[in-house]
Amino acid sequence: MDLSDQLKNLFPNHTPEKTPQEELPIEDTLWIQDAPLICKYEKRKGKPITIIEGYTGATSDFKILAKEIKTLLGVGGSFKNESIIIQGDYRNRIMDFLKEKGFKTKRVGG
């Protein structure tokens, strides 16, 4: 028994109104970027990390991009000082993902 059946049992005379559902914004928006994003590899305290920097747009958009990358890879990371820090060396996968989104990328380090 789903929720609509339970509501019909509780309120037998009620007829639900059809409301138009708003369309969700498309996540694959066009990103405008002049210079390529720099995707570099570093080791901090002996552990590998991937750093993405060089985004010139809004900070909120870059934070959304950071969340999408972390979700795609299933790893941790953070957004600090206008750069995305991802735990582990995932430069190839991140660069492929960014190219699908329409970004130009540049690989730096190793």
N, C-alpha and C. Protein backbone atom coordinates (compact mmCIF):
# COMPACT_ATOMS: atom_id res chain seq x y z
N MET A 1 0.85 -1.17 0.00
CA MET A 1 0.00 0.00 0.00
C MET A 1 0.90 1.23 0.00
N ASP A 2 0.76 2.06 -1.04
CA ASP A 2 1.60 3.25 -1.12
C ASP A 2 0.90 4.44 -0.48
N LEU A 3 1.55 5.56 -0.48
CA LEU A 3 1.06 6.75 0.20
C LEU A 3 -0.26 7.24 -0.36
N SER A 4 -0.42 7.20 -1.69
CA SER A 4 -1.68 7.69 -2.27
C SER A 4 -2.87 6.83 -1.84
N ASP A 5 -2.67 5.52 -1.72
CA ASP A 5 -3.75 4.65 -1.24
C ASP A 5 -4.09 4.95 0.22
N GLN A 6 -3.08 5.20 1.03
CA GLN A 6 -3.33 5.52 2.43
C GLN A 6 -4.08 6.84 2.56
N LEU A 7 -3.74 7.81 1.74
CA LEU A 7 -4.44 9.09 1.78
C LEU A 7 -5.89 8.95 1.32
N LYS A 8 -6.13 8.09 0.34
CA LYS A 8 -7.50 7.85 -0.12
C LYS A 8 -8.33 7.21 0.99
N ASN A 9 -7.72 6.33 1.79
CA ASN A 9 -8.44 5.72 2.90
C ASN A 9 -8.76 6.74 3.99
N LEU A 10 -7.83 7.65 4.24
CA LEU A 10 -8.05 8.66 5.27
C LEU A 10 -9.03 9.75 4.83
N PHE A 11 -8.94 10.14 3.55
CA PHE A 11 -9.78 11.21 3.01
C PHE A 11 -10.48 10.72 1.75
N PRO A 12 -11.58 9.97 1.90
CA PRO A 12 -12.21 9.35 0.73
C PRO A 12 -12.86 10.36 -0.22
N ASN A 13 -13.29 11.53 0.24
CA ASN A 13 -13.97 12.49 -0.62
C ASN A 13 -13.02 13.47 -1.31
N HIS A 14 -11.76 13.42 -0.97
CA HIS A 14 -10.80 14.37 -1.53
C HIS A 14 -10.32 13.90 -2.90
N THR A 15 -10.28 14.84 -3.85
CA THR A 15 -9.70 14.54 -5.16
C THR A 15 -8.48 15.43 -5.34
N PRO A 16 -7.33 14.85 -5.53
CA PRO A 16 -6.11 15.66 -5.65
C PRO A 16 -6.11 16.46 -6.95
N GLU A 17 -5.61 17.68 -6.85
CA GLU A 17 -5.50 18.54 -8.02
C GLU A 17 -4.20 18.23 -8.75
N LYS A 18 -4.27 18.31 -10.04
CA LYS A 18 -3.06 18.12 -10.83
C LYS A 18 -2.30 19.44 -10.88
N THR A 19 -1.10 19.45 -10.37
CA THR A 19 -0.28 20.65 -10.38
C THR A 19 0.84 20.46 -11.40
N PRO A 20 1.11 21.47 -12.18
CA PRO A 20 2.22 21.33 -13.14
C PRO A 20 3.54 21.27 -12.39
N GLN A 21 4.32 20.29 -12.74
CA GLN A 21 5.62 20.15 -12.09
C GLN A 21 6.63 21.03 -12.81
N GLU A 22 7.41 21.73 -12.02
CA GLU A 22 8.45 22.57 -12.60
C GLU A 22 9.58 21.69 -13.12
N GLU A 23 10.12 22.09 -14.25
CA GLU A 23 11.24 21.34 -14.79
C GLU A 23 12.49 21.68 -14.00
N LEU A 24 13.26 20.66 -13.70
CA LEU A 24 14.50 20.87 -12.97
C LEU A 24 15.54 21.47 -13.90
N PRO A 25 16.40 22.32 -13.37
CA PRO A 25 17.43 22.90 -14.24
C PRO A 25 18.38 21.82 -14.74
N ILE A 26 18.83 21.98 -15.93
CA ILE A 26 19.74 21.00 -16.53
C ILE A 26 21.12 21.20 -15.92
N GLU A 27 21.70 20.10 -15.45
CA GLU A 27 23.00 20.17 -14.79
C GLU A 27 24.14 20.38 -15.79
N ASP A 28 23.94 19.93 -17.03
CA ASP A 28 25.00 20.05 -18.02
C ASP A 28 24.92 21.40 -18.72
N THR A 29 25.17 22.46 -17.97
CA THR A 29 25.13 23.79 -18.53
C THR A 29 26.44 24.09 -19.24
N LEU A 30 26.41 25.09 -20.08
CA LEU A 30 27.61 25.48 -20.80
C LEU A 30 28.50 26.30 -19.88
N TRP A 31 29.71 25.85 -19.70
CA TRP A 31 30.67 26.54 -18.84
C TRP A 31 31.53 27.43 -19.73
N ILE A 32 31.63 28.69 -19.38
CA ILE A 32 32.46 29.61 -20.15
C ILE A 32 33.79 29.77 -19.43
N GLN A 33 34.85 29.42 -20.13
CA GLN A 33 36.17 29.43 -19.52
C GLN A 33 37.18 29.89 -20.55
N ASP A 34 37.93 30.94 -20.26
CA ASP A 34 38.93 31.46 -21.20
C ASP A 34 40.19 30.60 -21.20
N ALA A 35 40.84 30.51 -20.05
CA ALA A 35 42.07 29.74 -19.92
C ALA A 35 41.73 28.32 -19.48
N PRO A 36 42.59 27.35 -19.79
CA PRO A 36 42.30 25.98 -19.37
C PRO A 36 42.41 25.81 -17.86
N LEU A 37 41.65 24.85 -17.34
CA LEU A 37 41.77 24.49 -15.93
C LEU A 37 43.05 23.70 -15.75
N ILE A 38 43.76 23.97 -14.70
CA ILE A 38 45.01 23.27 -14.43
C ILE A 38 44.73 22.13 -13.47
N CYS A 39 45.10 20.94 -13.91
CA CYS A 39 44.88 19.73 -13.11
C CYS A 39 46.26 19.20 -12.74
N LYS A 40 46.65 19.37 -11.48
CA LYS A 40 48.00 18.97 -11.09
C LYS A 40 48.00 17.97 -9.95
N TYR A 41 49.11 17.29 -9.84
CA TYR A 41 49.31 16.22 -8.87
C TYR A 41 50.36 16.66 -7.86
N GLU A 42 50.06 16.42 -6.59
CA GLU A 42 51.02 16.71 -5.53
C GLU A 42 50.95 15.60 -4.49
N LYS A 43 51.94 15.59 -3.63
CA LYS A 43 51.91 14.72 -2.46
C LYS A 43 51.99 15.60 -1.24
N ARG A 44 51.06 15.40 -0.33
CA ARG A 44 51.08 16.13 0.93
C ARG A 44 51.07 15.11 2.06
N LYS A 45 52.05 15.21 2.92
CA LYS A 45 52.22 14.26 4.02
C LYS A 45 52.27 12.83 3.51
N GLY A 46 52.89 12.65 2.34
CA GLY A 46 53.07 11.33 1.78
C GLY A 46 51.87 10.77 1.05
N LYS A 47 50.78 11.51 0.97
CA LYS A 47 49.57 11.02 0.30
C LYS A 47 49.31 11.82 -0.97
N PRO A 48 48.91 11.12 -2.04
CA PRO A 48 48.68 11.81 -3.31
C PRO A 48 47.37 12.61 -3.30
N ILE A 49 47.40 13.77 -3.92
CA ILE A 49 46.19 14.58 -4.10
C ILE A 49 46.20 15.16 -5.51
N THR A 50 45.01 15.47 -6.00
CA THR A 50 44.84 16.11 -7.29
C THR A 50 44.25 17.50 -7.03
N ILE A 51 44.86 18.52 -7.62
CA ILE A 51 44.40 19.89 -7.41
C ILE A 51 43.92 20.45 -8.76
N ILE A 52 42.73 21.04 -8.75
CA ILE A 52 42.18 21.67 -9.94
C ILE A 52 42.04 23.16 -9.64
N GLU A 53 42.63 23.98 -10.47
CA GLU A 53 42.56 25.42 -10.25
C GLU A 53 42.55 26.15 -11.58
N GLY A 54 42.23 27.44 -11.52
CA GLY A 54 42.23 28.25 -12.72
C GLY A 54 40.84 28.59 -13.22
N TYR A 55 39.79 28.35 -12.43
CA TYR A 55 38.43 28.66 -12.85
C TYR A 55 38.18 30.15 -12.66
N THR A 56 37.58 30.79 -13.66
CA THR A 56 37.38 32.23 -13.60
C THR A 56 35.93 32.64 -13.37
N GLY A 57 35.03 31.67 -13.24
CA GLY A 57 33.61 31.99 -13.07
C GLY A 57 33.23 32.18 -11.62
N ALA A 58 31.95 31.99 -11.34
CA ALA A 58 31.42 32.17 -9.99
C ALA A 58 31.90 31.06 -9.06
N THR A 59 32.14 31.44 -7.82
CA THR A 59 32.61 30.48 -6.82
C THR A 59 31.57 29.39 -6.58
N SER A 60 30.28 29.75 -6.59
CA SER A 60 29.24 28.76 -6.34
C SER A 60 29.23 27.70 -7.43
N ASP A 61 29.48 28.08 -8.69
CA ASP A 61 29.55 27.10 -9.78
C ASP A 61 30.73 26.16 -9.59
N PHE A 62 31.85 26.70 -9.14
CA PHE A 62 33.04 25.88 -8.93
C PHE A 62 32.82 24.90 -7.78
N LYS A 63 32.08 25.32 -6.76
CA LYS A 63 31.75 24.41 -5.65
C LYS A 63 30.84 23.29 -6.13
N ILE A 64 29.90 23.60 -7.00
CA ILE A 64 29.02 22.57 -7.57
C ILE A 64 29.84 21.58 -8.39
N LEU A 65 30.78 22.09 -9.16
CA LEU A 65 31.66 21.22 -9.94
C LEU A 65 32.49 20.32 -9.03
N ALA A 66 32.97 20.87 -7.90
CA ALA A 66 33.74 20.07 -6.95
C ALA A 66 32.90 18.93 -6.41
N LYS A 67 31.66 19.20 -6.08
CA LYS A 67 30.78 18.16 -5.56
C LYS A 67 30.52 17.08 -6.61
N GLU A 68 30.33 17.49 -7.87
CA GLU A 68 30.11 16.51 -8.93
C GLU A 68 31.33 15.61 -9.12
N ILE A 69 32.51 16.18 -9.05
CA ILE A 69 33.73 15.39 -9.21
C ILE A 69 33.89 14.40 -8.06
N LYS A 70 33.66 14.86 -6.84
CA LYS A 70 33.79 13.98 -5.68
C LYS A 70 32.77 12.85 -5.75
N THR A 71 31.56 13.15 -6.20
CA THR A 71 30.53 12.13 -6.32
C THR A 71 30.89 11.12 -7.41
N LEU A 72 31.39 11.63 -8.54
CA LEU A 72 31.78 10.76 -9.65
C LEU A 72 32.85 9.77 -9.23
N LEU A 73 33.85 10.25 -8.51
CA LEU A 73 34.98 9.41 -8.14
C LEU A 73 34.73 8.61 -6.85
N GLY A 74 33.79 9.07 -6.03
CA GLY A 74 33.54 8.39 -4.76
C GLY A 74 34.67 8.59 -3.77
N VAL A 75 35.27 9.77 -3.79
CA VAL A 75 36.39 10.07 -2.89
C VAL A 75 36.10 11.37 -2.15
N GLY A 76 36.94 11.65 -1.19
CA GLY A 76 36.82 12.89 -0.44
C GLY A 76 37.59 14.01 -1.10
N GLY A 77 37.32 15.19 -0.63
CA GLY A 77 38.00 16.35 -1.17
C GLY A 77 37.47 17.61 -0.53
N SER A 78 37.97 18.73 -0.97
CA SER A 78 37.52 20.00 -0.42
C SER A 78 37.69 21.11 -1.46
N PHE A 79 37.11 22.26 -1.12
CA PHE A 79 37.23 23.45 -1.95
C PHE A 79 37.86 24.53 -1.09
N LYS A 80 39.10 24.89 -1.40
CA LYS A 80 39.82 25.89 -0.62
C LYS A 80 40.61 26.80 -1.54
N ASN A 81 40.65 28.08 -1.21
CA ASN A 81 41.49 29.06 -1.90
C ASN A 81 41.33 28.99 -3.43
N GLU A 82 40.09 29.00 -3.90
CA GLU A 82 39.81 28.99 -5.35
C GLU A 82 40.36 27.76 -6.06
N SER A 83 40.48 26.62 -5.35
CA SER A 83 40.92 25.39 -5.99
C SER A 83 40.18 24.21 -5.37
N ILE A 84 40.06 23.16 -6.16
CA ILE A 84 39.43 21.92 -5.70
C ILE A 84 40.55 20.95 -5.37
N ILE A 85 40.49 20.34 -4.19
CA ILE A 85 41.50 19.37 -3.76
C ILE A 85 40.79 18.02 -3.64
N ILE A 86 41.24 17.03 -4.43
CA ILE A 86 40.67 15.69 -4.44
C ILE A 86 41.69 14.72 -3.88
N GLN A 87 41.26 13.83 -3.00
CA GLN A 87 42.16 12.85 -2.41
C GLN A 87 42.46 11.75 -3.43
N GLY A 88 43.74 11.57 -3.74
CA GLY A 88 44.16 10.52 -4.68
C GLY A 88 44.56 11.13 -6.02
N ASP A 89 45.20 10.30 -6.84
CA ASP A 89 45.65 10.73 -8.16
C ASP A 89 44.61 10.29 -9.20
N TYR A 90 43.70 11.19 -9.54
CA TYR A 90 42.64 10.90 -10.49
C TYR A 90 42.67 11.87 -11.65
N ARG A 91 43.85 12.32 -12.06
CA ARG A 91 43.95 13.35 -13.09
C ARG A 91 43.29 12.92 -14.40
N ASN A 92 43.52 11.69 -14.84
CA ASN A 92 42.97 11.26 -16.13
C ASN A 92 41.44 11.26 -16.10
N ARG A 93 40.86 10.68 -15.07
CA ARG A 93 39.40 10.62 -14.99
C ARG A 93 38.79 12.00 -14.82
N ILE A 94 39.44 12.87 -14.03
CA ILE A 94 38.93 14.22 -13.84
C ILE A 94 39.01 15.01 -15.14
N MET A 95 40.11 14.87 -15.86
CA MET A 95 40.26 15.59 -17.11
C MET A 95 39.25 15.13 -18.15
N ASP A 96 38.96 13.84 -18.21
CA ASP A 96 37.93 13.33 -19.12
C ASP A 96 36.57 13.90 -18.75
N PHE A 97 36.26 13.92 -17.46
CA PHE A 97 34.98 14.46 -16.99
C PHE A 97 34.86 15.94 -17.34
N LEU A 98 35.93 16.71 -17.12
CA LEU A 98 35.90 18.13 -17.41
C LEU A 98 35.76 18.40 -18.91
N LYS A 99 36.38 17.56 -19.74
CA LYS A 99 36.25 17.72 -21.19
C LYS A 99 34.81 17.45 -21.63
N GLU A 100 34.15 16.48 -21.00
CA GLU A 100 32.74 16.21 -21.31
C GLU A 100 31.86 17.40 -20.94
N LYS A 101 32.25 18.13 -19.89
CA LYS A 101 31.51 19.30 -19.44
C LYS A 101 31.79 20.53 -20.32
N GLY A 102 32.81 20.46 -21.15
CA GLY A 102 33.12 21.56 -22.04
C GLY A 102 34.29 22.42 -21.60
N PHE A 103 35.04 21.98 -20.62
CA PHE A 103 36.21 22.72 -20.16
C PHE A 103 37.44 22.33 -20.97
N LYS A 104 38.37 23.26 -21.06
CA LYS A 104 39.70 22.95 -21.56
C LYS A 104 40.54 22.64 -20.33
N THR A 105 41.38 21.62 -20.43
CA THR A 105 42.20 21.24 -19.27
C THR A 105 43.67 21.15 -19.67
N LYS A 106 44.50 21.29 -18.65
CA LYS A 106 45.94 21.19 -18.85
C LYS A 106 46.50 20.35 -17.72
N ARG A 107 47.29 19.33 -18.06
CA ARG A 107 47.87 18.45 -17.06
C ARG A 107 49.23 19.00 -16.62
N VAL A 108 49.43 19.06 -15.31
CA VAL A 108 50.68 19.59 -14.75
C VAL A 108 51.20 18.62 -13.71
N GLY A 109 52.50 18.37 -13.73
CA GLY A 109 53.14 17.57 -12.69
C GLY A 109 53.07 16.08 -12.92
N GLY A 110 54.19 15.48 -13.21
CA GLY A 110 54.34 14.03 -13.30
C GLY A 110 53.65 13.39 -14.41
